[in-house]
Structures are given as C-alpha cells and as structure tokens.
Amino acid sequence: MTDNDIIEFDEDGVSKQDPNTPSIFKMIKSFSRDLAKYIKEGAPNVSPIDYAERLDACKACPNLKPSIMRCGLCGCLLEHKAKWTTAECPDKPSRWKTQEKSTDSTNG
C-alpha cells in the first residue's frame, strides 16, 4: 500500500485528499444501506458480463475516483458494489442497466 492508497479524513469526516469525495459518514450510511439490502435479498450477484459492463460504465464516469476506485457520488468501492444485483448506480440517470430479479439460486 502506498501513501496514495490511504484516505485521510478531517474531524468532519471529509477526505483531506479530495474534498469532493463523500464524507466517511455518508460512505458508511450508503454502504450499510446497500449491504443490508444485498443480504436481505440473499446476496445475489450479477453475471460476469454485467459486472464487466458496470465496471466499464464506472470507468467512463466523470464521478469516478480512479486512484482509489471509488464512486465520487456515494463513496462505495466499485469492485464490490458493481457485483451486487441489488445495488444501483447513484448517478442520475443510472449508468447501469436495470437488473431483473431472478428466482435462480445461482450467483454469477
């Protein structure tokens, strides 16, 4: 891990490196909400193709924080959030296609 990989926050929870990144409190709230929904729904994952498409959409997004691969709107780590069928892109309009809920028990 390099110094660039470490995110430092001030006393208000705002990133010292990039004040446009959501505060640590907003990131925790967003992640907790998304994680609870993911678990409640049975931890469904998108297909590998949809996962790659989501990451490509994120990489093309102006809100991406590429040095840390976090969404600049919600602060989530994209490598995790993009896998979750229950997660949505916070941009308006969404950059991810809508996922159909499946009764299939396999998780891509």
Protein backbone atom coordinates (compact mmCIF):
# COMPACT_ATOMS: atom_id res chain seq x y z
CA MET A 1 0.00 0.00 0.00
CA THR A 2 1.33 3.45 -0.90
CA ASP A 3 0.58 6.83 0.66
CA ASN A 4 -1.81 7.47 -2.24
CA ASP A 5 -3.89 4.45 -1.18
CA ILE A 6 -4.60 5.85 2.28
CA ILE A 7 -7.55 8.18 2.65
CA GLU A 8 -7.25 10.67 5.48
CA PHE A 9 -10.31 12.44 6.85
CA ASP A 10 -10.66 15.66 8.81
CA GLU A 11 -12.72 15.97 12.00
CA ASP A 12 -15.90 16.40 9.91
CA GLY A 13 -15.31 13.16 8.03
CA VAL A 14 -14.29 14.88 4.77
CA SER A 15 -11.38 13.49 2.76
CA LYS A 16 -8.25 15.62 3.06
CA GLN A 17 -7.02 14.44 -0.37
CA ASP A 18 -10.25 15.10 -2.23
CA PRO A 19 -12.91 17.23 -0.56
CA ASN A 20 -15.33 16.28 -3.38
CA THR A 21 -15.38 12.68 -2.15
CA PRO A 22 -18.34 11.91 0.13
CA SER A 23 -17.65 12.15 3.86
CA ILE A 24 -16.81 8.97 5.73
CA PHE A 25 -20.23 9.21 7.39
CA LYS A 26 -22.04 9.34 4.03
CA MET A 27 -19.96 6.42 2.75
CA ILE A 28 -20.80 4.31 5.83
CA LYS A 29 -24.50 5.14 5.53
CA SER A 30 -24.58 4.32 1.82
CA PHE A 31 -22.59 1.10 2.18
CA SER A 32 -24.63 -0.07 5.18
CA ARG A 33 -27.91 0.51 3.35
CA ASP A 34 -26.69 -1.29 0.21
CA LEU A 35 -25.16 -4.17 2.19
CA ALA A 36 -28.35 -4.71 4.22
CA LYS A 37 -30.43 -4.84 1.02
CA TYR A 38 -27.93 -7.23 -0.59
CA ILE A 39 -28.01 -9.61 2.38
CA LYS A 40 -31.79 -9.39 2.79
CA GLU A 41 -32.24 -10.38 -0.88
CA GLY A 42 -29.98 -13.44 -0.47
CA ALA A 43 -26.68 -11.91 -1.67
CA PRO A 44 -27.42 -12.09 -5.42
CA ASN A 45 -24.60 -11.20 -7.79
CA VAL A 46 -24.81 -10.01 -11.37
CA SER A 47 -23.42 -12.13 -14.19
CA PRO A 48 -19.73 -11.75 -15.08
CA ILE A 49 -20.79 -9.94 -18.28
CA ASP A 50 -22.99 -7.48 -16.38
CA TYR A 51 -20.21 -6.97 -13.82
CA ALA A 52 -17.74 -6.07 -16.58
CA GLU A 53 -20.30 -3.73 -18.17
CA ARG A 54 -20.90 -2.00 -14.84
CA LEU A 55 -17.18 -1.50 -14.24
CA ASP A 56 -16.75 -0.17 -17.79
CA ALA A 57 -19.58 2.31 -17.15
CA CYS A 58 -17.90 3.38 -13.92
CA LYS A 59 -14.52 3.79 -15.60
CA ALA A 60 -16.12 6.15 -18.14
CA CYS A 61 -17.95 8.15 -15.46
CA PRO A 62 -16.65 11.63 -14.53
CA ASN A 63 -17.54 10.93 -10.88
CA LEU A 64 -15.08 8.02 -10.60
CA LYS A 65 -12.16 8.45 -8.20
CA PRO A 66 -9.78 6.25 -10.23
CA SER A 67 -6.85 6.29 -7.82
CA ILE A 68 -8.99 4.57 -5.20
CA MET A 69 -11.69 3.02 -7.49
CA ARG A 70 -14.47 4.63 -5.50
CA CYS A 71 -17.64 6.27 -6.71
CA GLY A 72 -17.41 10.01 -6.17
CA LEU A 73 -21.15 10.21 -5.50
CA CYS A 74 -21.66 7.53 -2.85
CA GLY A 75 -18.06 6.63 -1.99
CA CYS A 76 -18.56 2.89 -2.47
CA LEU A 77 -15.76 0.59 -3.54
CA LEU A 78 -16.77 -0.28 -7.07
CA GLU A 79 -15.22 -3.74 -7.18
CA HIS A 80 -17.78 -4.82 -4.57
CA LYS A 81 -20.85 -2.71 -5.28
CA ALA A 82 -20.81 -3.45 -9.01
CA LYS A 83 -21.19 -7.19 -8.27
CA TRP A 84 -24.38 -6.82 -6.27
CA THR A 85 -27.62 -7.26 -8.21
CA THR A 86 -29.41 -5.18 -5.59
CA ALA A 87 -27.04 -2.19 -5.92
CA GLU A 88 -27.81 0.77 -8.13
CA CYS A 89 -25.62 3.41 -9.69
CA PRO A 90 -26.21 6.65 -7.75
CA ASP A 91 -25.83 8.83 -10.84
CA LYS A 92 -28.98 10.25 -12.42
CA PRO A 93 -29.73 8.72 -14.83
CA SER A 94 -28.18 5.47 -13.72
CA ARG A 95 -25.19 4.29 -15.73
CA TRP A 96 -26.05 0.63 -15.00
CA LYS A 97 -28.80 -1.30 -16.72
CA THR A 98 -31.67 -2.47 -14.54
CA GLN A 99 -31.24 -5.98 -13.22
CA GLU A 100 -34.14 -8.39 -13.34
CA LYS A 101 -34.77 -10.24 -10.11
CA SER A 102 -34.26 -13.92 -10.67
CA THR A 103 -35.60 -16.90 -8.78
CA ASP A 104 -32.46 -18.76 -9.82
CA SER A 105 -30.31 -19.55 -6.78
CA THR A 106 -27.00 -19.21 -8.62
CA ASN A 107 -24.98 -16.08 -8.05
CA GLY A 108 -22.96 -15.16 -11.17
